[in-house]
Protein backbone atom coordinates (compact mmCIF):
# COMPACT_ATOMS: atom_id res chain seq x y z
CA UNK A 1 -23.02 31.98 -16.38
CA UNK A 2 -23.47 35.26 -18.23
CA UNK A 3 -20.65 36.85 -16.25
CA UNK A 4 -18.30 34.01 -17.19
CA UNK A 5 -19.30 34.37 -20.84
CA UNK A 6 -18.54 38.10 -20.73
CA UNK A 7 -15.14 37.34 -19.17
CA UNK A 8 -14.32 35.02 -22.07
CA UNK A 9 -15.52 37.61 -24.57
CA UNK A 10 -13.31 40.28 -22.97
CA UNK A 11 -10.34 37.94 -23.14
CA UNK A 12 -11.11 37.25 -26.79
CA UNK A 13 -11.16 40.97 -27.59
CA UNK A 14 -7.75 41.60 -26.04
CA UNK A 15 -6.16 38.46 -27.54
CA UNK A 16 -4.49 40.41 -30.42
CA UNK A 17 -2.87 42.74 -27.88
CA UNK A 18 -1.74 39.81 -25.72
CA UNK A 19 -0.20 38.05 -28.72
CA UNK A 20 1.53 41.25 -29.82
CA UNK A 21 2.87 41.86 -26.31
CA UNK A 22 4.19 38.32 -25.93
CA UNK A 23 5.76 38.12 -29.41
CA UNK A 24 7.02 41.66 -29.97
CA UNK A 25 7.72 42.90 -26.42
CA UNK A 26 8.16 40.22 -23.77
CA UNK A 27 10.02 37.67 -25.91
CA UNK A 28 12.57 40.18 -27.32
CA UNK A 29 13.00 41.62 -23.82
CA UNK A 30 13.89 38.25 -22.28
CA UNK A 31 15.86 37.08 -25.32
CA UNK A 32 18.04 40.20 -25.36
CA UNK A 33 18.90 39.67 -21.69
CA UNK A 34 20.00 36.09 -22.38
CA UNK A 35 21.91 37.08 -25.51
CA UNK A 36 23.77 39.79 -23.58
CA UNK A 37 25.78 36.99 -21.94
CA UNK A 38 26.67 35.37 -25.26
CA UNK A 39 28.79 35.86 -28.34
CA UNK A 40 26.23 35.82 -31.12
CA UNK A 41 26.75 36.87 -34.74
CA UNK A 42 23.18 36.03 -35.88
CA UNK A 43 24.48 33.50 -38.44
CA UNK A 44 25.74 30.91 -35.94
CA UNK A 45 24.33 29.66 -32.61
CA UNK A 46 25.02 31.89 -29.59
CA UNK A 47 27.97 30.94 -27.38
CA UNK A 48 27.80 31.66 -23.66
CA UNK A 49 30.67 33.92 -22.49
CA UNK A 50 29.41 35.16 -19.13
CA UNK A 51 30.06 38.82 -18.30
CA UNK A 52 32.69 39.41 -20.99
CA UNK A 53 30.46 41.75 -22.98
CA UNK A 54 29.89 43.95 -19.93
CA UNK A 55 33.55 43.85 -18.90
CA UNK A 56 34.61 44.87 -22.39
CA UNK A 57 32.04 47.63 -22.42
CA UNK A 58 33.23 49.32 -19.24
CA UNK A 59 36.98 48.68 -19.55
CA UNK A 60 37.98 48.62 -23.23
CA UNK A 61 35.27 50.11 -25.43
CA UNK A 62 36.02 53.81 -26.01
CA UNK A 63 33.13 54.09 -28.45
CA UNK A 64 30.72 53.15 -25.67
CA UNK A 65 32.10 55.85 -23.36
CA UNK A 66 31.90 58.42 -26.15
CA UNK A 67 28.37 57.49 -27.22
CA UNK A 68 27.21 57.51 -23.60
CA UNK A 69 28.63 61.01 -23.09
CA UNK A 70 27.04 62.25 -26.32
CA UNK A 71 23.72 60.75 -25.25
CA UNK A 72 23.88 62.54 -21.89
CA UNK A 73 24.63 65.84 -23.64
CA UNK A 74 21.73 65.31 -26.00
CA UNK A 75 19.31 64.52 -23.18
CA UNK A 76 20.43 67.49 -21.07
CA UNK A 77 19.95 69.87 -23.99
CA UNK A 78 16.72 68.54 -25.47
CA UNK A 79 14.48 67.63 -22.54
CA UNK A 80 14.44 70.98 -20.64
CA UNK A 81 14.32 73.10 -23.80
CA UNK A 82 11.53 71.02 -25.31
CA UNK A 83 9.43 71.21 -22.14
CA UNK A 84 9.95 74.97 -21.81
CA UNK A 85 9.09 75.56 -25.46
CA UNK A 86 6.03 73.27 -25.30
CA UNK A 87 4.75 75.03 -22.17
CA UNK A 88 5.28 78.47 -23.73
CA UNK A 89 3.37 77.54 -26.90
CA UNK A 90 0.61 75.88 -24.86
CA UNK A 91 0.29 79.04 -22.75
CA UNK A 92 -0.12 81.15 -25.90
CA UNK A 93 -2.58 78.72 -27.50
CA UNK A 94 -4.66 78.71 -24.33
CA UNK A 95 -6.01 82.15 -25.17
CA UNK A 96 -9.46 82.18 -26.74
CA UNK A 97 -8.63 83.84 -30.06
CA UNK A 98 -10.21 83.62 -33.49
CA UNK A 99 -8.89 80.63 -35.48
CA UNK A 100 -7.04 79.25 -32.45
CA UNK A 101 -8.04 75.65 -33.29
CA UNK A 102 -6.17 75.92 -36.60
CA UNK A 103 -2.99 77.01 -34.83
CA UNK A 104 -3.34 74.25 -32.24
CA UNK A 105 -3.52 71.68 -35.03
CA UNK A 106 -0.67 73.28 -36.98
CA UNK A 107 1.64 73.27 -33.96
CA UNK A 108 0.85 69.62 -33.24
CA UNK A 109 1.71 68.37 -36.76
CA UNK A 110 5.56 68.38 -36.32
CA UNK A 111 5.30 65.80 -33.53
CA UNK A 112 3.56 63.45 -35.99
CA UNK A 113 5.96 64.01 -38.89
CA UNK A 114 9.18 64.42 -36.93
CA UNK A 115 10.40 60.83 -37.08
CA UNK A 116 10.01 60.02 -40.75
CA UNK A 117 12.61 59.99 -43.50
CA UNK A 118 11.11 62.93 -45.41
CA UNK A 119 11.57 65.26 -42.44
CA UNK A 120 15.16 64.06 -42.00
CA UNK A 121 15.87 64.93 -45.64
CA UNK A 122 14.16 68.29 -45.18
CA UNK A 123 16.25 68.99 -42.08
CA UNK A 124 19.45 68.19 -43.97
CA UNK A 125 18.40 70.62 -46.69
CA UNK A 126 17.50 73.39 -44.23
CA UNK A 127 20.88 73.14 -42.48
CA UNK A 128 22.94 72.49 -45.61
CA UNK A 129 26.32 74.25 -45.53
CA UNK A 130 25.85 75.46 -49.10
CA UNK A 131 22.53 77.06 -49.93
CA UNK A 132 20.62 75.90 -46.85
CA UNK A 133 17.75 78.11 -45.72
CA UNK A 134 19.21 78.54 -42.23
CA UNK A 135 22.53 79.79 -43.58
CA UNK A 136 20.70 82.12 -45.95
CA UNK A 137 18.74 83.64 -43.08
CA UNK A 138 21.74 84.16 -40.79
CA UNK A 139 23.64 85.55 -43.79
CA UNK A 140 21.18 88.43 -43.86
CA UNK A 141 22.62 89.50 -40.49
CA UNK A 142 26.19 89.33 -41.71
CA UNK A 143 26.95 85.94 -40.12
CA UNK A 144 29.19 83.59 -42.07
CA UNK A 145 27.67 80.26 -43.20
CA UNK A 146 27.95 77.45 -40.65
CA UNK A 147 28.89 73.89 -41.57
CA UNK A 148 26.11 72.47 -39.41
CA UNK A 149 26.66 68.78 -40.10
CA UNK A 150 30.41 68.97 -40.60
CA UNK A 151 31.32 70.45 -37.21
CA UNK A 152 30.78 68.50 -33.94
CA UNK A 153 29.09 71.24 -31.90
CA UNK A 154 26.65 72.54 -34.53
CA UNK A 155 25.81 68.98 -35.63
CA UNK A 156 24.51 68.00 -32.19
CA UNK A 157 22.80 71.37 -31.84
CA UNK A 158 20.94 70.88 -35.14
CA UNK A 159 19.62 67.51 -33.95
CA UNK A 160 18.58 69.14 -30.70
CA UNK A 161 16.57 71.73 -32.64
CA UNK A 162 14.81 68.94 -34.53
CA UNK A 163 13.86 67.30 -31.26
CA UNK A 164 12.59 70.58 -29.82
CA UNK A 165 10.60 71.19 -33.01
CA UNK A 166 8.66 68.00 -32.25
CA UNK A 167 7.05 69.57 -29.18
CA UNK A 168 3.45 68.90 -30.22
CA UNK A 169 2.66 65.94 -27.95
CA UNK A 170 3.96 67.66 -24.82
CA UNK A 171 2.23 70.88 -25.87
CA UNK A 172 -1.17 69.20 -26.18
CA UNK A 173 -0.86 67.73 -22.68
CA UNK A 174 0.18 71.10 -21.26
CA UNK A 175 -2.72 72.78 -23.06
CA UNK A 176 -5.23 70.32 -21.62
CA UNK A 177 -3.82 70.90 -18.13
CA UNK A 178 -3.97 74.70 -18.54
CA UNK A 179 -7.62 74.51 -19.57
CA UNK A 180 -8.33 72.39 -16.49
CA UNK A 181 -7.10 75.05 -14.04
CA UNK A 182 -10.15 76.65 -12.34
CA UNK A 183 -10.78 80.21 -13.51
CA UNK A 184 -11.82 81.12 -9.94
CA UNK A 185 -8.17 81.00 -8.86
CA UNK A 186 -7.17 83.53 -11.49
CA UNK A 187 -10.12 85.76 -10.58
CA UNK A 188 -9.18 85.68 -6.91
CA UNK A 189 -5.56 86.53 -7.75
CA UNK A 190 -6.72 89.47 -9.89
CA UNK A 191 -8.83 90.78 -7.02
CA UNK A 192 -5.77 90.59 -4.76
CA UNK A 193 -3.82 92.66 -7.27
CA UNK A 194 -1.38 89.98 -8.42
CA UNK A 195 0.35 90.66 -11.73
CA UNK A 196 0.51 88.11 -14.56
CA UNK A 197 4.02 86.94 -13.71
CA UNK A 198 3.05 86.31 -10.08
CA UNK A 199 -0.08 84.45 -11.16
CA UNK A 200 1.96 82.29 -13.52
CA UNK A 201 4.58 81.55 -10.85
CA UNK A 202 2.26 81.08 -7.87
CA UNK A 203 -0.80 79.46 -9.47
CA UNK A 204 -0.14 78.13 -12.96
CA UNK A 205 3.22 76.45 -12.42
CA UNK A 206 2.34 74.71 -9.09
CA UNK A 207 -0.89 73.34 -10.55
CA UNK A 208 0.97 72.16 -13.65
CA UNK A 209 3.69 70.28 -11.75
CA UNK A 210 1.93 66.86 -12.07
CA UNK A 211 1.77 67.36 -15.84
CA UNK A 212 5.34 68.69 -15.95
CA UNK A 213 6.38 65.57 -14.06
CA UNK A 214 4.60 63.30 -16.56
CA UNK A 215 5.97 65.11 -19.61
CA UNK A 216 9.45 65.16 -18.12
CA UNK A 217 9.42 61.38 -17.63
CA UNK A 218 8.11 60.73 -21.14
CA UNK A 219 10.53 63.11 -22.83
CA UNK A 220 13.45 61.76 -20.81
CA UNK A 221 12.76 58.19 -21.92
CA UNK A 222 12.27 59.23 -25.55
CA UNK A 223 15.45 61.32 -25.61
CA UNK A 224 17.57 58.45 -24.30
CA UNK A 225 16.16 56.23 -27.07
CA UNK A 226 16.58 58.73 -29.92
CA UNK A 227 17.66 56.94 -33.09
CA UNK A 228 16.03 58.29 -36.25
CA UNK A 229 17.53 61.78 -36.31
CA UNK A 230 21.21 60.92 -35.71
CA UNK A 231 21.05 57.86 -37.94
CA UNK A 232 19.24 59.45 -40.88
CA UNK A 233 20.73 62.96 -40.79
CA UNK A 234 24.32 62.68 -39.57
CA UNK A 235 24.98 58.94 -39.35
CA UNK A 236 26.59 59.58 -35.97
CA UNK A 237 29.15 62.03 -37.36
CA UNK A 238 31.10 64.17 -37.64
CA UNK A 239 33.84 62.60 -35.51
CA UNK A 240 31.08 60.65 -33.69
CA UNK A 241 29.76 63.93 -32.22
CA UNK A 242 26.17 62.70 -32.74
CA UNK A 243 26.88 59.02 -32.16
CA UNK A 244 24.12 58.39 -29.65
CA UNK A 245 23.97 55.11 -27.78
CA UNK A 246 20.94 53.75 -29.71
CA UNK A 247 22.88 54.28 -32.97
CA UNK A 248 25.86 52.45 -31.50
CA UNK A 249 23.58 49.58 -30.44
CA UNK A 250 22.21 49.37 -33.97
CA UNK A 251 25.68 49.35 -35.52
CA UNK A 252 26.97 46.63 -33.22
CA UNK A 253 23.88 44.48 -33.70
CA UNK A 254 23.11 44.84 -37.40
CA UNK A 255 26.18 46.37 -39.04
CA UNK A 256 28.92 44.37 -37.32
CA UNK A 257 26.69 41.38 -36.39
CA UNK A 258 27.70 41.52 -32.71
CA UNK A 259 24.19 40.80 -31.52
CA UNK A 260 25.36 39.59 -28.12
CA UNK A 261 27.31 42.78 -27.49
CA UNK A 262 24.48 44.90 -28.87
CA UNK A 263 22.09 43.20 -26.45
CA UNK A 264 24.42 44.01 -23.56
CA UNK A 265 24.53 47.64 -24.69
CA UNK A 266 20.74 47.79 -24.88
CA UNK A 267 20.44 46.44 -21.34
CA UNK A 268 22.87 49.05 -20.03
CA UNK A 269 20.76 51.71 -21.72
CA UNK A 270 17.64 50.20 -20.13
CA UNK A 271 19.26 50.31 -16.67
CA UNK A 272 20.34 53.94 -17.21
CA UNK A 273 16.80 54.94 -18.17
CA UNK A 274 15.42 53.10 -15.14
CA UNK A 275 17.87 54.84 -12.79
CA UNK A 276 17.04 58.31 -14.09
CA UNK A 277 13.32 57.55 -14.03
CA UNK A 278 13.49 56.38 -10.42
CA UNK A 279 15.49 59.47 -9.45
CA UNK A 280 12.86 61.72 -10.99
CA UNK A 281 10.10 59.80 -9.18
CA UNK A 282 12.01 60.13 -5.93
CA UNK A 283 12.51 63.85 -6.39
CA UNK A 284 8.82 64.40 -7.17
CA UNK A 285 8.03 64.46 -3.44
CA UNK A 286 9.78 67.83 -3.23
CA UNK A 287 8.43 69.68 -6.28
CA UNK A 288 5.21 68.04 -7.51
CA UNK A 289 2.04 69.44 -5.95
CA UNK A 290 -1.48 68.03 -6.25
CA UNK A 291 -4.50 70.26 -5.84
CA UNK A 292 -6.58 67.69 -3.96
CA UNK A 293 -3.89 66.91 -1.37
CA UNK A 294 -1.07 68.68 0.39
CA UNK A 295 2.37 69.54 -0.88
CA UNK A 296 4.40 66.79 -2.45
CA UNK A 297 1.37 64.57 -2.76
CA UNK A 298 1.06 64.18 1.03
């Protein structure tokens, strides 16, 4: 009787989460799939049109092809660089130095602030073509000012830098993993005469591969869904050089009221993320090593 009462109490405690999941996650997920087969302008009832949205997407919509290519470029640039930078900072912050806790907190703050409007405005000011701090700094080295947000290449690069700057969450996970590596392994390597680079390559990196795998998956998913930076800073410009697929989905759904087509676009993005995630999981057998089992998790 008591066990049954505790089961009911547990269910009562998680009821807010269940309601939130059903209303804000599961229902929109299913509804968007249904709407992807309709012509729906939000104001009038949806009209079933079969696969026309998907056919249009892959045969006629040049903006989709462009935004998909831009998204791939963004992901390829941001994910590896962010992981490398986060690991480097975590490695430095792993040393037991005076005031190290302050620096750990300071380096984590950008990941909290990176998505808000204030940071977007700050980023626009830093990379402003006229009087921006970045142009002032490179001007000291005799480099001409760069129109960061008015030129396709630099515009995407500036958004990439913002994404890399938000390395705090990945850094904290790397730092926790570094602190979990047994010191005995480093002591044994020192006795054998291994230098620091060899220790890092032969001990640190292999033992970090499960965490690298986790961070890689999380950063990959987040990069594919990036919306705030391109929407708030560049608006997808110039010449749609930063017109990422999430921005295109937003425009189709809420700017042009093509909710059915926007739903189809969102489902294509979901499938792309799933494919890349599964590929990474499949490849993990060859490069992820676990300390309590053999290579590749076997």
